[in-house]
PDB file of N, CA and C in Angstrom:
ATOM      1  N   MET A   1       1.042  -1.113  -0.129  1.00  0.00           N
ATOM      2  CA  MET A   1      -0.103   0.231  -0.012  1.00  0.00           C
ATOM      3  C   MET A   1       0.999   1.086  -0.194  1.00  0.00           C
ATOM      4  N   SER A   2       0.543   1.989  -0.802  1.00  0.00           N
ATOM      5  CA  SER A   2       1.809   3.429  -0.799  1.00  0.00           C
ATOM      6  C   SER A   2       1.081   4.337  -0.495  1.00  0.00           C
ATOM      7  N   GLY A   3       1.950   5.606   0.123  1.00  0.00           N
ATOM      8  CA  GLY A   3       1.515   6.385   1.495  1.00  0.00           C
ATOM      9  C   GLY A   3       0.448   7.431   0.459  1.00  0.00           C
ATOM     10  N   LYS A   4       0.341   7.261  -1.008  1.00  0.00           N
ATOM     11  CA  LYS A   4      -1.029   8.232  -1.431  1.00  0.00           C
ATOM     12  C   LYS A   4      -2.149   7.310  -1.322  1.00  0.00           C
ATOM     13  N   ASP A   5      -2.110   5.701  -1.155  1.00  0.00           N
ATOM     14  CA  ASP A   5      -3.262   5.141  -0.179  1.00  0.00           C
ATOM     15  C   ASP A   5      -3.271   5.490   0.901  1.00  0.00           C
ATOM     16  N   ILE A   6      -2.660   5.232   1.814  1.00  0.00           N
ATOM     17  CA  ILE A   6      -2.448   5.650   3.120  1.00  0.00           C
ATOM     18  C   ILE A   6      -3.011   6.717   4.033  1.00  0.00           C
ATOM     19  N   SER A   7      -2.457   8.068   2.826  1.00  0.00           N
ATOM     20  CA  SER A   7      -3.024   9.483   3.217  1.00  0.00           C
ATOM     21  C   SER A   7      -4.957   9.325   2.781  1.00  0.00           C
ATOM     22  N   GLY A   8      -5.324   8.619   1.720  1.00  0.00           N
ATOM     23  CA  GLY A   8      -6.358   8.441   1.361  1.00  0.00           C
ATOM     24  C   GLY A   8      -7.440   7.807   1.740  1.00  0.00           C
ATOM     25  N   TYR A   9      -6.940   6.611   3.268  1.00  0.00           N
ATOM     26  CA  TYR A   9      -7.774   6.352   3.861  1.00  0.00           C
ATOM     27  C   TYR A   9      -7.945   6.951   5.322  1.00  0.00           C
ATOM     28  N   ILE A  10      -6.879   7.303   5.626  1.00  0.00           N
ATOM     29  CA  ILE A  10      -6.956   8.319   6.659  1.00  0.00           C
ATOM     30  C   ILE A  10      -7.570   9.416   6.276  1.00  0.00           C
ATOM     31  N   GLY A  11      -7.914  10.376   5.265  1.00  0.00           N
ATOM     32  CA  GLY A  11      -8.778  11.389   5.259  1.00  0.00           C
ATOM     33  C   GLY A  11     -10.092  11.185   5.068  1.00  0.00           C
ATOM     34  N   THR A  12     -10.332  10.060   4.441  1.00  0.00           N
ATOM     35  CA  THR A  12     -11.727   8.965   4.690  1.00  0.00           C
ATOM     36  C   THR A  12     -12.016   8.818   5.617  1.00  0.00           C
ATOM     37  N   SER A  13     -11.122   8.586   6.241  1.00  0.00           N
ATOM     38  CA  SER A  13     -11.693   8.009   7.933  1.00  0.00           C
ATOM     39  C   SER A  13     -11.783   9.645   8.699  1.00  0.00           C
ATOM     40  N   LEU A  14     -10.980  10.519   8.779  1.00  0.00           N
ATOM     41  CA  LEU A  14     -11.161  11.324   9.173  1.00  0.00           C
ATOM     42  C   LEU A  14     -12.439  12.411   9.160  1.00  0.00           C
ATOM     43  N   THR A  15     -12.865  12.186   7.906  1.00  0.00           N
ATOM     44  CA  THR A  15     -13.499  12.841   7.384  1.00  0.00           C
ATOM     45  C   THR A  15     -15.070  12.688   7.666  1.00  0.00           C
ATOM     46  N   VAL A  16     -15.540  11.644   7.323  1.00  0.00           N
ATOM     47  CA  VAL A  16     -16.568  10.285   8.451  1.00  0.00           C
ATOM     48  C   VAL A  16     -16.706  10.745   9.635  1.00  0.00           C
ATOM     49  N   ILE A  17     -15.553  10.580  10.339  1.00  0.00           N
ATOM     50  CA  ILE A  17     -15.618  10.400  12.012  1.00  0.00           C
ATOM     51  C   ILE A  17     -16.249  11.711  12.224  1.00  0.00           C
ATOM     52  N   ASN A  18     -16.040  12.718  11.321  1.00  0.00           N
ATOM     53  CA  ASN A  18     -16.533  14.528  11.250  1.00  0.00           C
ATOM     54  C   ASN A  18     -17.836  14.728  11.537  1.00  0.00           C
ATOM     55  N   GLN A  19     -18.830  13.786  10.459  1.00  0.00           N
ATOM     56  CA  GLN A  19     -20.249  13.959  10.684  1.00  0.00           C
ATOM     57  C   GLN A  19     -21.211  13.114  11.429  1.00  0.00           C
ATOM     58  N   ILE A  20     -20.576  12.251  12.280  1.00  0.00           N
ATOM     59  CA  ILE A  20     -20.694  11.779  12.769  1.00  0.00           C
ATOM     60  C   ILE A  20     -21.347  12.454  14.425  1.00  0.00           C
ATOM     61  N   PRO A  21     -20.857  12.503  14.841  1.00  0.00           N
ATOM     62  CA  PRO A  21     -21.436  13.738  15.879  1.00  0.00           C
ATOM     63  C   PRO A  21     -22.351  14.275  15.851  1.00  0.00           C
ATOM     64  N   GLN A  22     -22.822  15.294  15.245  1.00  0.00           N
ATOM     65  CA  GLN A  22     -23.726  16.203  14.152  1.00  0.00           C
ATOM     66  C   GLN A  22     -24.814  15.370  14.310  1.00  0.00           C
ATOM     67  N   ILE A  23     -24.375  14.421  13.307  1.00  0.00           N
ATOM     68  CA  ILE A  23     -25.794  13.591  13.412  1.00  0.00           C
ATOM     69  C   ILE A  23     -26.573  12.869  14.868  1.00  0.00           C
ATOM     70  N   TYR A  24     -25.936  12.397  15.888  1.00  0.00           N
ATOM     71  CA  TYR A  24     -25.501  12.064  16.590  1.00  0.00           C
ATOM     72  C   TYR A  24     -25.947  12.986  17.368  1.00  0.00           C
ATOM     73  N   VAL A  25     -26.233  14.056  17.450  1.00  0.00           N
ATOM     74  CA  VAL A  25     -26.537  15.568  18.275  1.00  0.00           C
ATOM     75  C   VAL A  25     -27.820  15.690  17.701  1.00  0.00           C
ATOM     76  N   THR A  26     -28.022  15.881  16.620  1.00  0.00           N
ATOM     77  CA  THR A  26     -29.251  16.156  15.689  1.00  0.00           C
ATOM     78  C   THR A  26     -30.340  15.462  16.528  1.00  0.00           C
ATOM     79  N   PHE A  27     -30.401  13.744  16.291  1.00  0.00           N
ATOM     80  CA  PHE A  27     -31.192  12.545  16.281  1.00  0.00           C
ATOM     81  C   PHE A  27     -31.579  12.953  18.099  1.00  0.00           C
ATOM     82  N   LYS A  28     -30.292  12.877  18.718  1.00  0.00           N
ATOM     83  CA  LYS A  28     -30.553  13.081  20.267  1.00  0.00           C
ATOM     84  C   LYS A  28     -31.335  14.207  20.422  1.00  0.00           C
ATOM     85  N   THR A  29     -31.157  15.088  20.508  1.00  0.00           N
ATOM     86  CA  THR A  29     -31.846  16.828  20.625  1.00  0.00           C
ATOM     87  C   THR A  29     -33.266  16.788  19.700  1.00  0.00           C
ATOM     88  N   LYS A  30     -33.490  16.548  18.607  1.00  0.00           N
ATOM     89  CA  LYS A  30     -34.028  16.324  17.740  1.00  0.00           C
ATOM     90  C   LYS A  30     -34.343  18.329  17.410  1.00  0.00           C
ATOM     91  N   LYS A  31     -33.324  19.175  17.469  1.00  0.00           N
ATOM     92  CA  LYS A  31     -32.990  19.895  17.306  1.00  0.00           C
ATOM     93  C   LYS A  31     -32.104  20.257  15.607  1.00  0.00           C
ATOM     94  N   THR A  32     -32.994  21.230  14.580  1.00  0.00           N
ATOM     95  CA  THR A  32     -31.895  21.596  13.495  1.00  0.00           C
ATOM     96  C   THR A  32     -31.958  22.924  13.206  1.00  0.00           C
ATOM     97  N   GLU A  33     -31.985  23.853  13.810  1.00  0.00           N
ATOM     98  CA  GLU A  33     -32.228  25.457  13.732  1.00  0.00           C
ATOM     99  C   GLU A  33     -30.741  25.543  13.617  1.00  0.00           C
ATOM    100  N   ASP A  34     -29.909  25.283  13.726  1.00  0.00           N
ATOM    101  CA  ASP A  34     -28.443  25.572  13.783  1.00  0.00           C
ATOM    102  C   ASP A  34     -28.011  24.796  12.345  1.00  0.00           C
ATOM    103  N   LEU A  35     -28.706  23.950  11.892  1.00  0.00           N
ATOM    104  CA  LEU A  35     -28.480  23.616  10.552  1.00  0.00           C
ATOM    105  C   LEU A  35     -28.580  24.110   9.038  1.00  0.00           C
ATOM    106  N   SER A  36     -27.771  24.708   8.896  1.00  0.00           N
ATOM    107  CA  SER A  36     -28.718  25.587   7.360  1.00  0.00           C
ATOM    108  C   SER A  36     -28.928  24.667   6.282  1.00  0.00           C
ATOM    109  N   PHE A  37     -30.234  24.523   6.126  1.00  0.00           N
ATOM    110  CA  PHE A  37     -30.450  24.235   4.659  1.00  0.00           C
ATOM    111  C   PHE A  37     -29.829  24.341   3.477  1.00  0.00           C
ATOM    112  N   LEU A  38     -29.309  25.389   3.107  1.00  0.00           N
ATOM    113  CA  LEU A  38     -28.354  26.023   2.000  1.00  0.00           C
ATOM    114  C   LEU A  38     -26.922  25.518   2.124  1.00  0.00           C
ATOM    115  N   PHE A  39     -26.252  25.343   3.227  1.00  0.00           N
ATOM    116  CA  PHE A  39     -25.045  24.606   3.285  1.00  0.00           C
ATOM    117  C   PHE A  39     -25.049  23.322   3.304  1.00  0.00           C
ATOM    118  N   LEU A  40     -25.973  22.691   3.974  1.00  0.00           N
ATOM    119  CA  LEU A  40     -26.673  21.112   3.356  1.00  0.00           C
ATOM    120  C   LEU A  40     -26.457  20.580   2.200  1.00  0.00           C
ATOM    121  N   LEU A  41     -27.511  21.656   1.315  1.00  0.00           N
ATOM    122  CA  LEU A  41     -27.560  21.352  -0.095  1.00  0.00           C
ATOM    123  C   LEU A  41     -26.299  21.372  -1.119  1.00  0.00           C
ATOM    124  N   SER A  42     -25.286  22.093  -0.382  1.00  0.00           N
ATOM    125  CA  SER A  42     -24.097  22.771  -1.348  1.00  0.00           C
ATOM    126  C   SER A  42     -23.341  21.106  -0.943  1.00  0.00           C
ATOM    127  N   LEU A  43     -23.221  21.173   0.568  1.00  0.00           N
ATOM    128  CA  LEU A  43     -22.420  19.939   0.941  1.00  0.00           C
ATOM    129  C   LEU A  43     -22.765  18.260  -0.167  1.00  0.00           C
ATOM    130  N   LEU A  44     -24.177  18.845  -0.322  1.00  0.00           N
ATOM    131  CA  LEU A  44     -24.849  17.477  -0.923  1.00  0.00           C
ATOM    132  C   LEU A  44     -23.617  17.389  -2.509  1.00  0.00           C
ATOM    133  N   ALA A  45     -24.077  18.703  -2.825  1.00  0.00           N
ATOM    134  CA  ALA A  45     -23.760  18.715  -4.284  1.00  0.00           C
ATOM    135  C   ALA A  45     -22.267  18.437  -4.332  1.00  0.00           C
ATOM    136  N   SER A  46     -21.263  19.028  -3.548  1.00  0.00           N
ATOM    137  CA  SER A  46     -20.011  19.035  -3.469  1.00  0.00           C
ATOM    138  C   SER A  46     -19.614  17.533  -3.656  1.00  0.00           C
ATOM    139  N   HIS A  47     -19.965  16.578  -2.459  1.00  0.00           N
ATOM    140  CA  HIS A  47     -20.131  15.084  -2.551  1.00  0.00           C
ATOM    141  C   HIS A  47     -20.415  14.390  -3.932  1.00  0.00           C
ATOM    142  N   ILE A  48     -21.413  14.957  -4.430  1.00  0.00           N
ATOM    143  CA  ILE A  48     -21.601  14.451  -5.666  1.00  0.00           C
ATOM    144  C   ILE A  48     -20.479  14.793  -7.253  1.00  0.00           C
ATOM    145  N   ALA A  49     -20.264  16.152  -6.730  1.00  0.00           N
ATOM    146  CA  ALA A  49     -18.974  16.792  -7.702  1.00  0.00           C
ATOM    147  C   ALA A  49     -17.636  15.777  -7.816  1.00  0.00           C
ATOM    148  N   TRP A  50     -17.222  15.373  -6.721  1.00  0.00           N
ATOM    149  CA  TRP A  50     -15.971  14.445  -5.917  1.00  0.00           C
ATOM    150  C   TRP A  50     -16.113  13.680  -6.679  1.00  0.00           C
ATOM    151  N   ILE A  51     -17.683  12.966  -6.739  1.00  0.00           N
ATOM    152  CA  ILE A  51     -17.960  11.108  -7.152  1.00  0.00           C
ATOM    153  C   ILE A  51     -17.682  11.049  -8.675  1.00  0.00           C
ATOM    154  N   CYS A  52     -18.051  12.155  -8.888  1.00  0.00           N
ATOM    155  CA  CYS A  52     -17.488  12.557 -10.243  1.00  0.00           C
ATOM    156  C   CYS A  52     -16.254  12.808 -11.107  1.00  0.00           C
ATOM    157  N   TYR A  53     -15.566  13.442 -10.241  1.00  0.00           N
ATOM    158  CA  TYR A  53     -14.204  13.191 -10.623  1.00  0.00           C
ATOM    159  C   TYR A  53     -13.263  12.291 -10.133  1.00  0.00           C
ATOM    160  N   ALA A  54     -13.734  11.828  -8.981  1.00  0.00           N
ATOM    161  CA  ALA A  54     -13.205  10.632  -8.726  1.00  0.00           C
ATOM    162  C   ALA A  54     -13.579   9.341  -9.922  1.00  0.00           C
ATOM    163  N   VAL A  55     -14.809   9.301 -10.554  1.00  0.00           N
ATOM    164  CA  VAL A  55     -14.479   8.365 -11.609  1.00  0.00           C
ATOM    165  C   VAL A  55     -13.949   8.591 -12.340  1.00  0.00           C
ATOM    166  N   PHE A  56     -14.134  10.221 -13.140  1.00  0.00           N
ATOM    167  CA  PHE A  56     -12.752  10.382 -14.101  1.00  0.00           C
ATOM    168  C   PHE A  56     -11.570  10.063 -13.887  1.00  0.00           C
ATOM    169  N   ASP A  57     -11.099  10.314 -12.484  1.00  0.00           N
ATOM    170  CA  ASP A  57      -9.623  10.151 -12.124  1.00  0.00           C
ATOM    171  C   ASP A  57      -9.210   9.078 -11.965  1.00  0.00           C
ATOM    172  N   ASP A  58      -9.628   7.615 -13.493  1.00  0.00           N
ATOM    173  CA  ASP A  58      -9.265   6.711 -13.229  1.00  0.00           C
ATOM    174  C   ASP A  58     -10.180   5.824 -11.963  1.00  0.00           C
ATOM    175  N   TYR A  59     -11.174   6.045 -12.012  1.00  0.00           N
ATOM    176  CA  TYR A  59     -12.295   5.297 -10.517  1.00  0.00           C
ATOM    177  C   TYR A  59     -11.026   5.192  -9.176  1.00  0.00           C
ATOM    178  N   ASN A  60     -10.522   6.701  -8.948  1.00  0.00           N
ATOM    179  CA  ASN A  60     -10.234   6.479  -7.684  1.00  0.00           C
ATOM    180  C   ASN A  60     -10.915   5.808  -6.522  1.00  0.00           C
ATOM    181  N   THR A  61     -10.491   5.219  -6.184  1.00  0.00           N
ATOM    182  CA  THR A  61     -11.772   4.248  -5.131  1.00  0.00           C
ATOM    183  C   THR A  61     -11.164   4.449  -3.818  1.00  0.00           C
ATOM    184  N   THR A  62     -10.313   5.225  -3.276  1.00  0.00           N
ATOM    185  CA  THR A  62     -10.387   5.700  -2.081  1.00  0.00           C
ATOM    186  C   THR A  62     -11.294   7.319  -2.095  1.00  0.00           C
ATOM    187  N   LEU A  63     -11.433   8.101  -2.972  1.00  0.00           N
ATOM    188  CA  LEU A  63     -12.481   8.925  -3.069  1.00  0.00           C
ATOM    189  C   LEU A  63     -13.706   8.997  -3.334  1.00  0.00           C
ATOM    190  N   ILE A  64     -14.174   7.682  -3.894  1.00  0.00           N
ATOM    191  CA  ILE A  64     -14.856   7.150  -4.518  1.00  0.00           C
ATOM    192  C   ILE A  64     -15.496   6.970  -3.203  1.00  0.00           C
ATOM    193  N   LEU A  65     -15.138   5.874  -2.460  1.00  0.00           N
ATOM    194  CA  LEU A  65     -15.408   5.511  -0.679  1.00  0.00           C
ATOM    195  C   LEU A  65     -15.697   6.509  -0.079  1.00  0.00           C
ATOM    196  N   ASN A  66     -14.701   7.348   0.221  1.00  0.00           N
ATOM    197  CA  ASN A  66     -14.943   8.794   1.088  1.00  0.00           C
ATOM    198  C   ASN A  66     -16.276   9.643   0.789  1.00  0.00           C
ATOM    199  N   SER A  67     -16.043   9.785  -0.650  1.00  0.00           N
ATOM    200  CA  SER A  67     -17.681  10.783  -0.843  1.00  0.00           C
ATOM    201  C   SER A  67     -18.706   9.963  -0.641  1.00  0.00           C
ATOM    202  N   SER A  68     -18.923   8.984  -1.153  1.00  0.00           N
ATOM    203  CA  SER A  68     -20.005   7.937  -0.791  1.00  0.00           C
ATOM    204  C   SER A  68     -20.288   8.130   0.518  1.00  0.00           C
ATOM    205  N   ILE A  69     -19.592   7.633   0.999  1.00  0.00           N
ATOM    206  CA  ILE A  69     -19.974   7.619   3.118  1.00  0.00           C
ATOM    207  C   ILE A  69     -20.648   8.646   3.532  1.00  0.00           C
ATOM    208  N   CYS A  70     -19.921   9.965   2.737  1.00  0.00           N
ATOM    209  CA  CYS A  70     -19.864  11.615   3.276  1.00  0.00           C
ATOM    210  C   CYS A  70     -21.391  12.357   2.856  1.00  0.00           C
ATOM    211  N   LEU A  71     -21.657  11.109   1.679  1.00  0.00           N
ATOM    212  CA  LEU A  71     -22.653  11.922   0.675  1.00  0.00           C
ATOM    213  C   LEU A  71     -24.079  10.911   1.248  1.00  0.00           C
ATOM    214  N   LEU A  72     -24.272  10.145   2.644  1.00  0.00           N
ATOM    215  CA  LEU A  72     -25.010   9.019   2.748  1.00  0.00           C
ATOM    216  C   LEU A  72     -25.195  10.043   4.079  1.00  0.00           C
ATOM    217  N   LEU A  73     -23.864   9.979   4.677  1.00  0.00           N
ATOM    218  CA  LEU A  73     -24.285  11.027   5.842  1.00  0.00           C
ATOM    219  C   LEU A  73     -24.777  12.494   5.660  1.00  0.00           C
ATOM    220  N   THR A  74     -24.616  13.238   5.224  1.00  0.00           N
ATOM    221  CA  THR A  74     -25.678  14.519   4.555  1.00  0.00           C
ATOM    222  C   THR A  74     -26.852  14.472   3.918  1.00  0.00           C
ATOM    223  N   LYS A  75     -27.078  12.933   3.476  1.00  0.00           N
ATOM    224  CA  LYS A  75     -28.226  12.736   3.225  1.00  0.00           C
ATOM    225  C   LYS A  75     -29.354  12.689   4.626  1.00  0.00           C
ATOM    226  N   ILE A  76     -28.390  11.871   5.602  1.00  0.00           N
ATOM    227  CA  ILE A  76     -29.205  11.363   7.012  1.00  0.00           C
ATOM    228  C   ILE A  76     -29.380  13.369   7.875  1.00  0.00           C
ATOM    229  N   LEU A  77     -28.385  13.881   7.410  1.00  0.00           N
ATOM    230  CA  LEU A  77     -28.604  15.150   8.241  1.00  0.00           C
ATOM    231  C   LEU A  77     -29.713  15.519   7.045  1.00  0.00           C
ATOM    232  N   ILE A  78     -29.592  15.833   5.944  1.00  0.00           N
ATOM    233  CA  ILE A  78     -31.078  16.359   5.268  1.00  0.00           C
ATOM    234  C   ILE A  78     -32.214  16.064   5.632  1.00  0.00           C
ATOM    235  N   TYR A  79     -32.426  14.562   6.094  1.00  0.00           N
ATOM    236  CA  TYR A  79     -33.654  14.322   6.203  1.00  0.00           C
ATOM    237  C   TYR A  79     -33.579  14.351   7.473  1.00  0.00           C
ATOM    238  N   ALA A  80     -32.961  14.853   8.440  1.00  0.00           N
ATOM    239  CA  ALA A  80     -33.675  15.054  10.099  1.00  0.00           C
ATOM    240  C   ALA A  80     -33.377  16.617   9.695  1.00  0.00           C
ATOM    241  N   LYS A  81     -33.032  17.587   8.751  1.00  0.00           N
ATOM    242  CA  LYS A  81     -33.654  18.654   8.985  1.00  0.00           C
ATOM    243  C   LYS A  81     -34.908  19.120   8.411  1.00  0.00           C
ATOM    244  N   TYR A  82     -35.289  17.822   7.610  1.00  0.00           N
ATOM    245  CA  TYR A  82     -36.727  17.958   7.233  1.00  0.00           C
ATOM    246  C   TYR A  82     -37.780  17.338   8.238  1.00  0.00           C
ATOM    247  N   LYS A  83     -37.389  16.633   8.957  1.00  0.00           N
ATOM    248  CA  LYS A  83     -38.247  15.763   9.593  1.00  0.00           C
ATOM    249  C   LYS A  83     -38.365  16.753  10.961  1.00  0.00           C
ATOM    250  N   TYR A  84     -37.189  17.146  11.683  1.00  0.00           N
ATOM    251  CA  TYR A  84     -37.307  18.291  12.674  1.00  0.00           C
ATOM    252  C   TYR A  84     -37.647  19.595  12.662  1.00  0.00           C
ATOM    253  N   SER A  85     -37.456  20.067  11.106  1.00  0.00           N
ATOM    254  CA  SER A  85     -37.849  21.850  11.372  1.00  0.00           C
ATOM    255  C   SER A  85     -39.418  21.708  10.810  1.00  0.00           C
ATOM    256  N   ASN A  86     -39.676  22.840  11.335  1.00  0.00           N
ATOM    257  CA  ASN A  86     -41.371  23.556  11.115  1.00  0.00           C
ATOM    258  C   ASN A  86     -41.053  23.829   9.793  1.00  0.00           C
ATOM    259  N   ASN A  87     -40.550  24.617   9.400  1.00  0.00           N
ATOM    260  CA  ASN A  87     -40.553  25.054   7.700  1.00  0.00           C
ATOM    261  C   ASN A  87     -38.856  25.325   7.274  1.00  0.00           C
ATOM    262  N   LEU A  88     -38.178  24.021   6.100  1.00  0.00           N
ATOM    263  CA  LEU A  88     -37.118  24.232   5.802  1.00  0.00           C
ATOM    264  C   LEU A  88     -37.034  25.542   4.858  1.00  0.00           C
ATOM    265  N   LEU A  89     -38.350  26.514   4.207  1.00  0.00           N
ATOM    266  CA  LEU A  89     -37.841  27.675   3.714  1.00  0.00           C
ATOM    267  C   LEU A  89     -37.525  28.563   3.734  1.00  0.00           C
ATOM    268  N   THR A  90     -37.444  28.773   6.028  1.00  0.00           N
ATOM    269  CA  THR A  90     -37.660  29.748   6.631  1.00  0.00           C
ATOM    270  C   THR A  90     -35.786  29.417   7.349  1.00  0.00           C
ATOM    271  N   ASP A  91     -35.495  28.321   6.957  1.00  0.00           N
ATOM    272  CA  ASP A  91     -34.426  28.232   7.553  1.00  0.00           C
ATOM    273  C   ASP A  91     -32.837  28.034   6.008  1.00  0.00           C
ATOM    274  N   ILE A  92     -33.518  28.518   5.139  1.00  0.00           N
ATOM    275  CA  ILE A  92     -32.711  29.157   4.254  1.00  0.00           C
ATOM    276  C   ILE A  92     -31.765  30.225   4.292  1.00  0.00           C
TER     277      ILE A  92
END
């Protein structure tokens, strides 16, 4: 395994680990006022863009794995925002 692969897996792990506490707190408190819906949508778009880039980059497996997991986690946060928010449009 090359240094490039190791750094990719470390980066993937840290990126995923960073989103888990936010998801935990969101579902525990059922409060999403501090989550910007616009931010979540832009985050979703960035993960999709990274997946596209990784595919064009000779199927960069590490980047595809990272972006796919983060895409799922961001979708979970968007679901929580939808579920616990009174009005999504006022939260933008």
